């Protein structure tokens, strides 16, 4: 269960007056938007912080509709391949079916806030179309400001948003509960599950139901992956069962299997990357880690000369690179033939999401807290490849800058625990300024600063 603070909402026992006060304060806060007053009295802290992010991201509170990010054709193809597609039967059974005629909508979005499925009460669906709460629309904080789906992704935890707490004024008649969905194996953020409707959408039991559904769906995703792995082990490529071969022949099998996974490359805090493709994971050598990292952030490909420049700090040539590529191709061929890089230019044939790019994507949309959750340390910390050094410095510096600009004391202290922040005076000084005067955490921060001052003076 989440430790999310529930907003006081109409319909909750003994909370009607508190709910009305919360809404009056939120409505009054909207009168201050754009006035540069900073603090908005009466708002819950997580809502106020979200409003501040929304303003910094230039979300428009007066725009009545969310933007459409995916047209029908793009949407169908994208969600067919998305890892969350395989758990939709669980969502449908536990959330969608009970929502019919209940005044509730169930939405499932991807990791950047684009809604992929919106189902439930037919009357509410028609009403929701007026604010573009529809499949294919972008409900990230950057686009619509504070809402349960976008803000849950931004802060990386369960959240409930009630009425006028929404940043966009057209959404004030609505309330919503959202829970992020994490990959049960890698922990990577895959998306968000949301309940939207009237007051009942933010009842305590609604949050419990959505969290339980997400947990059940994560368990189902893991079971299906284990079953697929068992099928593969029992039926290798050269002697597949007729049924499996038939599924492969018409493409249905590969699409269904592909939707179970998000191909990924884990670089953060590791000297040797972990490559995951279609549920199979392999640890790479240091050099192969560097090559795949560079190719993953250059989807248009690199010539041999460009890759050598990014890969070798000294006088590496294509003669040095060529045998490394031969060895890498052999490794990838065993993992998945579809992953073997092309040449002239060197280019990956499939999308591969490095965790460093996920951090950068989160920072770009102002979600520094979830970026910090993903960030497990520097990119390939011992690598001296010029392209990796540049990537490492960019990810680390942007994360640090975001936390110093907009981070809470807790986020700054969590960052201070990383090896790269061991001697970071600026981060600890910023955290100390944000900690309450009587916080028990102040003593440890002061001791750290005194230690660093002694070491620096020595």
Protein backbone atom coordinates (compact mmCIF):
# COMPACT_ATOMS: atom_id res chain seq x y z
CA UNK A 1 0.00 0.00 0.00
CA UNK A 2 1.09 3.58 -0.68
CA UNK A 3 1.68 6.15 2.03
CA UNK A 4 -0.14 8.70 -0.16
CA UNK A 5 -2.04 11.34 1.78
CA UNK A 6 -5.68 11.07 0.77
CA UNK A 7 -7.36 14.39 -0.01
CA UNK A 8 -10.46 15.12 1.97
CA UNK A 9 -13.25 14.61 -0.55
CA UNK A 10 -17.04 14.73 -0.52
CA UNK A 11 -18.54 11.39 0.36
CA UNK A 12 -15.87 10.38 2.87
CA UNK A 13 -17.21 9.94 6.40
CA UNK A 14 -16.94 13.10 8.57
CA UNK A 15 -15.00 14.94 5.87
CA UNK A 16 -17.63 16.97 3.97
CA UNK A 17 -16.64 20.30 5.56
CA UNK A 18 -12.94 19.61 5.09
CA UNK A 19 -13.57 18.68 1.46
CA UNK A 20 -15.47 21.89 0.79
CA UNK A 21 -12.68 23.91 2.43
CA UNK A 22 -10.05 22.12 0.33
CA UNK A 23 -11.96 22.97 -2.85
CA UNK A 24 -12.46 26.62 -1.84
CA UNK A 25 -8.74 26.96 -1.13
CA UNK A 26 -7.81 25.31 -4.43
CA UNK A 27 -10.19 27.59 -6.33
CA UNK A 28 -8.70 30.61 -4.55
CA UNK A 29 -5.26 29.33 -5.50
CA UNK A 30 -6.25 29.43 -9.18
CA UNK A 31 -6.81 33.17 -8.81
CA UNK A 32 -3.12 33.48 -7.90
CA UNK A 33 -1.83 31.54 -10.92
CA UNK A 34 0.57 33.68 -12.91
CA UNK A 35 0.96 36.24 -10.12
CA UNK A 36 4.44 34.97 -9.07
CA UNK A 37 3.34 34.81 -5.45
CA UNK A 38 5.07 31.47 -4.88
CA UNK A 39 3.28 29.75 -1.98
CA UNK A 40 -0.43 29.04 -2.45
CA UNK A 41 -2.17 28.85 0.97
CA UNK A 42 -4.34 25.82 1.64
CA UNK A 43 -3.01 23.52 -1.08
CA UNK A 44 -1.61 20.14 -0.16
CA UNK A 45 2.16 20.28 -0.55
CA UNK A 46 2.28 17.65 -3.31
CA UNK A 47 -0.36 19.59 -5.27
CA UNK A 48 1.42 22.91 -4.77
CA UNK A 49 4.71 21.37 -5.95
CA UNK A 50 2.91 19.96 -8.99
CA UNK A 51 1.38 23.37 -9.79
CA UNK A 52 4.87 24.88 -9.60
CA UNK A 53 6.23 22.24 -12.00
CA UNK A 54 3.24 22.78 -14.29
CA UNK A 55 3.96 26.52 -14.42
CA UNK A 56 7.65 25.92 -15.12
CA UNK A 57 6.69 23.51 -17.92
CA UNK A 58 4.32 26.20 -19.28
CA UNK A 59 1.19 24.09 -19.11
CA UNK A 60 -1.84 26.27 -19.92
CA UNK A 61 -4.58 26.09 -17.23
CA UNK A 62 -7.10 27.73 -19.58
CA UNK A 63 -6.65 25.34 -22.50
CA UNK A 64 -9.80 23.18 -22.30
CA UNK A 65 -8.39 20.12 -24.08
CA UNK A 66 -5.37 17.87 -23.77
CA UNK A 67 -3.31 17.55 -26.98
CA UNK A 68 -3.62 14.43 -29.10
CA UNK A 69 -0.21 12.76 -29.26
CA UNK A 70 -1.08 9.61 -31.27
CA UNK A 71 -3.53 9.29 -34.15
CA UNK A 72 -5.65 6.15 -34.51
CA UNK A 73 -3.20 4.26 -36.71
CA UNK A 74 -0.17 5.15 -34.56
CA UNK A 75 -2.10 4.30 -31.41
CA UNK A 76 -3.15 0.85 -32.57
CA UNK A 77 0.39 -0.15 -33.54
CA UNK A 78 2.00 1.40 -30.47
CA UNK A 79 -0.24 -0.19 -27.89
CA UNK A 80 -0.18 -3.55 -29.67
CA UNK A 81 3.58 -3.62 -29.06
CA UNK A 82 3.51 -2.03 -25.60
CA UNK A 83 4.36 -4.25 -22.58
CA UNK A 84 1.12 -3.21 -20.85
CA UNK A 85 -0.98 -4.73 -23.64
CA UNK A 86 -0.57 -8.20 -22.19
CA UNK A 87 -2.00 -7.24 -18.78
CA UNK A 88 -5.10 -5.46 -20.11
CA UNK A 89 -7.30 -8.55 -19.47
CA UNK A 90 -6.45 -8.22 -15.76
CA UNK A 91 -7.25 -4.50 -15.80
CA UNK A 92 -10.47 -5.19 -17.67
CA UNK A 93 -11.63 -7.85 -15.22
CA UNK A 94 -10.73 -6.03 -11.99
CA UNK A 95 -11.41 -2.41 -12.94
CA UNK A 96 -13.18 -1.92 -16.28
CA UNK A 97 -16.09 -4.36 -15.87
CA UNK A 98 -17.04 -3.04 -12.38
CA UNK A 99 -16.85 0.54 -13.71
CA UNK A 100 -19.69 0.21 -16.24
CA UNK A 101 -22.73 2.23 -15.09
CA UNK A 102 -20.71 3.39 -12.06
CA UNK A 103 -19.75 6.85 -13.27
CA UNK A 104 -16.08 5.88 -13.49
CA UNK A 105 -13.50 5.64 -16.25
CA UNK A 106 -10.41 3.44 -16.31
CA UNK A 107 -7.36 4.75 -18.17
CA UNK A 108 -4.00 3.10 -18.79
CA UNK A 109 -1.15 5.28 -20.01
CA UNK A 110 2.48 4.84 -21.01
CA UNK A 111 5.54 6.03 -19.10
CA UNK A 112 5.42 9.55 -20.58
CA UNK A 113 1.73 10.15 -19.87
CA UNK A 114 0.06 9.27 -23.19
CA UNK A 115 -3.27 7.49 -22.62
CA UNK A 116 -3.40 4.15 -24.45
CA UNK A 117 -6.76 2.81 -23.24
CA UNK A 118 -9.76 4.69 -21.79
CA UNK A 119 -12.77 2.50 -20.97
CA UNK A 120 -15.69 2.37 -18.56
CA UNK A 121 -19.00 4.17 -18.10
CA UNK A 122 -20.32 5.14 -21.55
CA UNK A 123 -21.92 8.41 -20.41
CA UNK A 124 -18.73 9.50 -18.66
CA UNK A 125 -16.67 8.60 -21.74
CA UNK A 126 -18.73 11.01 -23.83
CA UNK A 127 -18.33 13.74 -21.21
CA UNK A 128 -14.58 13.12 -20.95
CA UNK A 129 -14.17 13.63 -24.68
CA UNK A 130 -14.82 17.34 -24.07
CA UNK A 131 -11.46 17.66 -22.31
CA UNK A 132 -9.78 15.08 -24.58
CA UNK A 133 -9.47 12.43 -21.88
CA UNK A 134 -9.28 9.86 -24.66
CA UNK A 135 -6.89 7.20 -25.92
CA UNK A 136 -3.98 8.85 -27.72
CA UNK A 137 -4.08 12.10 -25.70
CA UNK A 138 -1.10 13.41 -23.73
CA UNK A 139 -1.90 13.78 -20.01
CA UNK A 140 1.63 14.42 -18.75
CA UNK A 141 2.25 17.36 -16.42
CA UNK A 142 4.07 19.13 -19.25
CA UNK A 143 0.89 19.10 -21.34
CA UNK A 144 -2.03 19.45 -18.93
CA UNK A 145 -0.44 20.28 -15.59
CA UNK A 146 -1.55 18.58 -12.41
CA UNK A 147 -3.66 15.43 -12.89
CA UNK A 148 -3.50 12.02 -11.29
CA UNK A 149 -1.95 10.20 -14.30
CA UNK A 150 0.70 12.83 -15.08
CA UNK A 151 1.54 13.68 -11.48
CA UNK A 152 1.77 10.01 -10.43
CA UNK A 153 4.37 9.57 -13.18
CA UNK A 154 6.17 12.75 -12.13
CA UNK A 155 6.50 11.79 -8.45
CA UNK A 156 6.71 8.03 -8.98
CA UNK A 157 3.98 7.00 -6.54
CA UNK A 158 0.25 6.62 -6.07
CA UNK A 159 -1.70 9.87 -5.97
CA UNK A 160 -5.25 11.24 -5.78
CA UNK A 161 -6.29 14.60 -7.24
CA UNK A 162 -9.66 16.10 -6.38
CA UNK A 163 -11.64 18.71 -8.29
CA UNK A 164 -10.00 22.15 -8.31
CA UNK A 165 -6.64 20.63 -7.38
CA UNK A 166 -6.29 20.00 -11.12
CA UNK A 167 -4.17 22.66 -12.82
CA UNK A 168 -6.40 22.76 -15.92
CA UNK A 169 -9.69 24.49 -15.09
CA UNK A 170 -11.76 22.36 -17.49
CA UNK A 171 -10.92 19.31 -15.33
CA UNK A 172 -12.32 20.80 -12.08
CA UNK A 173 -15.56 18.75 -12.24
CA UNK A 174 -13.47 15.56 -12.16
CA UNK A 175 -11.46 13.64 -9.57
CA UNK A 176 -8.97 10.87 -10.16
CA UNK A 177 -6.68 8.24 -8.61
CA UNK A 178 -3.55 6.93 -10.34
CA UNK A 179 -0.84 4.35 -9.60
CA UNK A 180 2.42 3.99 -11.55
CA UNK A 181 3.11 0.60 -13.14
CA UNK A 182 6.69 -0.70 -12.83
CA UNK A 183 8.25 -3.63 -14.66
CA UNK A 184 8.16 -6.54 -12.16
CA UNK A 185 11.66 -7.68 -13.20
CA UNK A 186 13.73 -4.59 -14.00
CA UNK A 187 11.78 -2.02 -11.98
CA UNK A 188 11.62 0.28 -15.03
CA UNK A 189 8.60 2.56 -15.26
CA UNK A 190 6.17 1.17 -17.87
CA UNK A 191 3.13 3.36 -17.38
CA UNK A 192 0.23 4.33 -15.13
CA UNK A 193 -3.25 3.01 -14.22
CA UNK A 194 -5.94 5.61 -13.45
CA UNK A 195 -9.53 5.82 -12.22
CA UNK A 196 -11.34 9.03 -13.18
CA UNK A 197 -14.85 10.19 -12.30
CA UNK A 198 -16.66 12.10 -9.59
CA UNK A 199 -16.05 12.03 -5.82
CA UNK A 200 -15.99 8.23 -5.61
CA UNK A 201 -12.89 8.23 -7.82
CA UNK A 202 -10.85 9.51 -4.86
CA UNK A 203 -12.38 7.40 -2.09
CA UNK A 204 -9.85 5.45 0.05
CA UNK A 205 -11.12 2.12 -1.27
CA UNK A 206 -10.54 3.32 -4.85
CA UNK A 207 -6.84 3.81 -4.19
CA UNK A 208 -6.64 0.39 -2.52
CA UNK A 209 -8.42 -1.21 -5.48
CA UNK A 210 -6.12 0.36 -8.09
CA UNK A 211 -2.98 -0.55 -6.15
CA UNK A 212 -4.18 -4.13 -5.73
CA UNK A 213 -4.98 -4.31 -9.46
CA UNK A 214 -1.53 -3.04 -10.40
CA UNK A 215 0.05 -5.62 -8.09
CA UNK A 216 -2.05 -8.39 -9.66
CA UNK A 217 -1.17 -7.23 -13.17
CA UNK A 218 2.54 -7.14 -12.33
CA UNK A 219 2.31 -10.70 -11.00
CA UNK A 220 0.49 -11.78 -14.17
CA UNK A 221 3.16 -10.18 -16.36
CA UNK A 222 5.87 -12.10 -14.52
CA UNK A 223 3.92 -15.39 -14.85
CA UNK A 224 3.45 -14.91 -18.60
CA UNK A 225 7.15 -14.22 -19.04
CA UNK A 226 8.03 -17.39 -17.14
CA UNK A 227 5.61 -19.38 -19.29
CA UNK A 228 7.07 -17.93 -22.47
CA UNK A 229 10.59 -18.76 -21.28
CA UNK A 230 9.50 -22.34 -20.61
CA UNK A 231 8.00 -22.63 -24.10
CA UNK A 232 11.20 -21.35 -25.65
CA UNK A 233 13.28 -23.80 -23.68
CA UNK A 234 11.06 -26.71 -24.69
CA UNK A 235 10.80 -25.67 -28.33
CA UNK A 236 14.06 -24.19 -29.66
CA UNK A 237 14.02 -22.33 -32.95
CA UNK A 238 14.98 -25.41 -35.02
CA UNK A 239 12.21 -27.62 -33.71
CA UNK A 240 9.27 -25.45 -32.75
CA UNK A 241 5.92 -27.08 -32.18
CA UNK A 242 3.52 -26.75 -35.16
CA UNK A 243 1.20 -24.47 -33.19
CA UNK A 244 3.99 -22.11 -32.20
CA UNK A 245 5.41 -22.17 -35.71
CA UNK A 246 2.00 -21.22 -37.09
CA UNK A 247 1.73 -18.31 -34.68
CA UNK A 248 5.19 -17.15 -35.79
CA UNK A 249 4.24 -17.50 -39.45
CA UNK A 250 1.33 -15.07 -39.29
CA UNK A 251 3.16 -12.66 -36.99
CA UNK A 252 0.72 -13.06 -34.10
CA UNK A 253 3.21 -14.90 -31.96
CA UNK A 254 6.02 -12.38 -32.30
CA UNK A 255 3.66 -9.47 -31.62
CA UNK A 256 2.23 -11.11 -28.52
CA UNK A 257 5.65 -12.09 -27.22
CA UNK A 258 7.15 -8.71 -28.05
CA UNK A 259 4.46 -6.91 -26.10
CA UNK A 260 5.59 -8.63 -22.92
CA UNK A 261 8.87 -6.78 -22.86
CA UNK A 262 10.47 -3.39 -23.24
CA UNK A 263 13.94 -4.00 -24.70
CA UNK A 264 16.36 -2.22 -22.41
CA UNK A 265 19.99 -1.54 -21.61
CA UNK A 266 20.93 -0.94 -17.98
CA UNK A 267 24.00 1.30 -17.78
CA UNK A 268 23.55 3.22 -14.54
CA UNK A 269 25.92 2.34 -11.74
CA UNK A 270 27.33 -0.64 -13.68
CA UNK A 271 30.74 -1.29 -15.20
CA UNK A 272 29.18 -3.98 -17.39
CA UNK A 273 25.77 -3.28 -18.88
CA UNK A 274 22.80 -5.62 -18.65
CA UNK A 275 21.03 -6.09 -21.99
CA UNK A 276 17.41 -7.33 -21.95
CA UNK A 277 15.70 -8.34 -25.20
CA UNK A 278 12.34 -10.13 -25.27
CA UNK A 279 12.74 -11.20 -21.66
CA UNK A 280 16.24 -12.65 -22.02
CA UNK A 281 19.06 -10.83 -20.21
CA UNK A 282 22.81 -11.01 -20.66
CA UNK A 283 25.73 -9.21 -19.01
CA UNK A 284 27.98 -7.57 -21.59
CA UNK A 285 31.73 -7.02 -21.54
CA UNK A 286 32.90 -3.49 -20.76
CA UNK A 287 33.69 -2.74 -24.42
CA UNK A 288 30.44 -4.20 -25.73
CA UNK A 289 28.59 -2.18 -23.09
CA UNK A 290 30.16 1.00 -24.48
CA UNK A 291 29.36 0.10 -28.09
CA UNK A 292 25.71 -0.69 -27.44
CA UNK A 293 25.32 2.39 -25.24
CA UNK A 294 26.62 4.61 -28.05
CA UNK A 295 24.51 2.94 -30.73
CA UNK A 296 21.38 3.13 -28.55
CA UNK A 297 21.65 6.93 -28.29
CA UNK A 298 22.39 7.33 -32.01
CA UNK A 299 19.39 5.58 -33.62
CA UNK A 300 20.32 6.87 -37.09
CA UNK A 301 23.61 5.01 -36.85
CA UNK A 302 27.33 5.86 -36.75
CA UNK A 303 30.04 5.39 -39.34
CA UNK A 304 33.09 3.37 -38.35
CA UNK A 305 35.07 6.58 -37.96
CA UNK A 306 32.39 8.25 -35.82
CA UNK A 307 32.06 5.21 -33.57
CA UNK A 308 35.85 4.98 -33.16
CA UNK A 309 36.02 8.65 -32.15
CA UNK A 310 33.34 8.13 -29.49
CA UNK A 311 34.72 4.78 -28.34
CA UNK A 312 38.50 5.08 -28.10
CA UNK A 313 40.22 7.78 -26.02
CA UNK A 314 43.49 7.33 -27.93
CA UNK A 315 44.26 6.22 -31.46
CA UNK A 316 41.67 3.52 -32.03
CA UNK A 317 40.94 2.75 -35.67
CA UNK A 318 38.37 0.79 -37.61
CA UNK A 319 40.88 -2.07 -37.60
CA UNK A 320 40.55 -2.13 -33.80
CA UNK A 321 36.78 -1.79 -33.92
CA UNK A 322 36.05 -4.48 -36.52
CA UNK A 323 36.95 -7.55 -34.39
CA UNK A 324 34.99 -6.10 -31.45
CA UNK A 325 31.91 -5.81 -33.67
CA UNK A 326 32.36 -9.41 -34.84
CA UNK A 327 32.42 -10.60 -31.23
CA UNK A 328 29.43 -8.40 -30.29
CA UNK A 329 27.39 -9.74 -33.20
CA UNK A 330 28.02 -13.30 -32.02
CA UNK A 331 26.77 -12.44 -28.54
CA UNK A 332 23.65 -10.75 -29.91
CA UNK A 333 22.98 -13.51 -32.42
CA UNK A 334 22.66 -15.98 -29.54
CA UNK A 335 20.38 -13.61 -27.62
CA UNK A 336 18.17 -12.57 -30.55
CA UNK A 337 18.98 -12.54 -34.28
CA UNK A 338 16.80 -9.43 -34.60
CA UNK A 339 19.23 -7.50 -32.39
CA UNK A 340 22.36 -7.88 -34.53
CA UNK A 341 23.60 -4.40 -35.62
CA UNK A 342 23.82 -3.46 -39.26
CA UNK A 343 26.90 -1.86 -40.79
CA UNK A 344 27.67 1.14 -43.01
CA UNK A 345 26.60 2.77 -40.80
CA UNK A 346 26.64 0.71 -37.63
CA UNK A 347 23.03 0.82 -36.47
CA UNK A 348 20.74 -1.12 -34.14
CA UNK A 349 17.80 -2.76 -35.96
CA UNK A 350 15.46 -2.40 -32.98
CA UNK A 351 14.57 0.25 -30.42
CA UNK A 352 16.66 -0.18 -27.29
CA UNK A 353 15.88 2.01 -24.27
CA UNK A 354 18.92 2.68 -22.06
CA UNK A 355 18.05 3.59 -18.47
CA UNK A 356 20.13 6.75 -18.90
CA UNK A 357 17.70 7.94 -21.60
CA UNK A 358 14.78 7.21 -19.31
CA UNK A 359 16.36 9.50 -16.70
CA UNK A 360 16.84 12.24 -19.31
CA UNK A 361 13.24 11.86 -20.52
CA UNK A 362 11.96 12.26 -16.96
CA UNK A 363 14.12 15.34 -16.38
CA UNK A 364 12.90 16.87 -19.64
CA UNK A 365 9.30 16.75 -18.43
CA UNK A 366 10.17 17.93 -14.91
CA UNK A 367 9.82 14.56 -13.19
CA UNK A 368 13.05 14.76 -11.20
CA UNK A 369 11.81 12.49 -8.42
CA UNK A 370 11.16 9.53 -10.68
CA UNK A 371 14.44 10.31 -12.46
CA UNK A 372 16.19 9.95 -9.11
CA UNK A 373 14.37 6.66 -8.48
CA UNK A 374 15.67 5.28 -11.79
CA UNK A 375 19.18 6.69 -11.33
CA UNK A 376 21.35 4.02 -9.69
CA UNK A 377 24.68 5.73 -10.26
CA UNK A 378 26.86 7.10 -13.04
CA UNK A 379 26.74 5.72 -16.60
CA UNK A 380 29.40 2.96 -16.88
CA UNK A 381 31.47 4.70 -14.18
CA UNK A 382 34.86 3.24 -15.14
CA UNK A 383 34.56 3.81 -18.87
CA UNK A 384 37.00 6.24 -20.47
CA UNK A 385 35.34 6.20 -23.91
CA UNK A 386 34.85 9.87 -24.88
CA UNK A 387 31.22 9.36 -25.92
CA UNK A 388 30.42 7.58 -22.64
CA UNK A 389 32.20 10.26 -20.60
CA UNK A 390 30.06 12.91 -22.31
CA UNK A 391 26.85 10.93 -21.69
CA UNK A 392 27.81 10.26 -18.08
CA UNK A 393 28.54 13.93 -17.40
CA UNK A 394 25.33 15.08 -19.11
CA UNK A 395 23.03 12.72 -17.20
CA UNK A 396 24.72 13.38 -13.85
CA UNK A 397 24.92 17.16 -14.22
CA UNK A 398 21.31 17.55 -15.43
CA UNK A 399 20.01 15.43 -12.55
CA UNK A 400 22.04 17.40 -10.01
CA UNK A 401 20.92 20.72 -11.50
CA UNK A 402 17.25 19.66 -11.43
CA UNK A 403 17.46 18.61 -7.79
CA UNK A 404 19.24 21.81 -6.74
CA UNK A 405 16.62 23.86 -8.59
CA UNK A 406 13.45 22.05 -7.61
CA UNK A 407 14.28 19.14 -5.30
CA UNK A 408 12.97 18.56 -1.78
CA UNK A 409 15.29 18.04 1.17
CA UNK A 410 14.54 14.31 1.04
CA UNK A 411 15.43 14.09 -2.66
CA UNK A 412 18.67 16.01 -2.12
CA UNK A 413 19.67 13.75 0.78
CA UNK A 414 18.93 10.66 -1.30
CA UNK A 415 21.13 12.04 -4.08
CA UNK A 416 23.86 12.78 -1.51
CA UNK A 417 24.07 9.04 -0.80
CA UNK A 418 25.33 8.33 -4.33
CA UNK A 419 29.08 7.75 -4.77
CA UNK A 420 29.41 10.74 -7.10
CA UNK A 421 27.89 13.03 -4.44
CA UNK A 422 30.06 11.79 -1.56
CA UNK A 423 31.88 15.13 -1.34
CA UNK A 424 29.19 17.41 -2.76
CA UNK A 425 29.03 20.45 -0.47
CA UNK A 426 26.44 22.23 -2.63
CA UNK A 427 23.87 19.44 -2.41
CA UNK A 428 24.22 19.14 1.37
CA UNK A 429 24.04 22.90 1.85
CA UNK A 430 20.86 23.05 -0.23
CA UNK A 431 19.31 20.19 1.76
CA UNK A 432 20.20 21.89 5.05
CA UNK A 433 18.38 25.07 3.96
CA UNK A 434 15.22 23.08 3.21
CA UNK A 435 15.17 20.91 6.36
CA UNK A 436 12.90 22.14 9.16
CA UNK A 437 14.82 23.64 12.12
CA UNK A 438 13.98 20.70 14.40
CA UNK A 439 14.51 17.94 11.87
CA UNK A 440 16.58 15.06 13.30
CA UNK A 441 18.32 14.80 9.92
CA UNK A 442 20.05 18.17 10.32
CA UNK A 443 22.76 16.85 12.67
CA UNK A 444 24.03 14.30 10.13
CA UNK A 445 24.09 16.90 7.34
CA UNK A 446 25.98 19.39 9.52
CA UNK A 447 28.48 16.68 10.47
CA UNK A 448 29.00 15.86 6.79
CA UNK A 449 29.61 19.52 5.95
CA UNK A 450 32.09 19.88 8.81
CA UNK A 451 33.93 16.77 7.60
CA UNK A 452 34.13 18.11 4.08
CA UNK A 453 35.32 21.51 5.28
CA UNK A 454 38.08 19.84 7.33
CA UNK A 455 39.17 17.70 4.38
CA UNK A 456 39.18 20.64 2.01
CA UNK A 457 41.16 22.86 4.36
CA UNK A 458 43.69 20.07 4.93
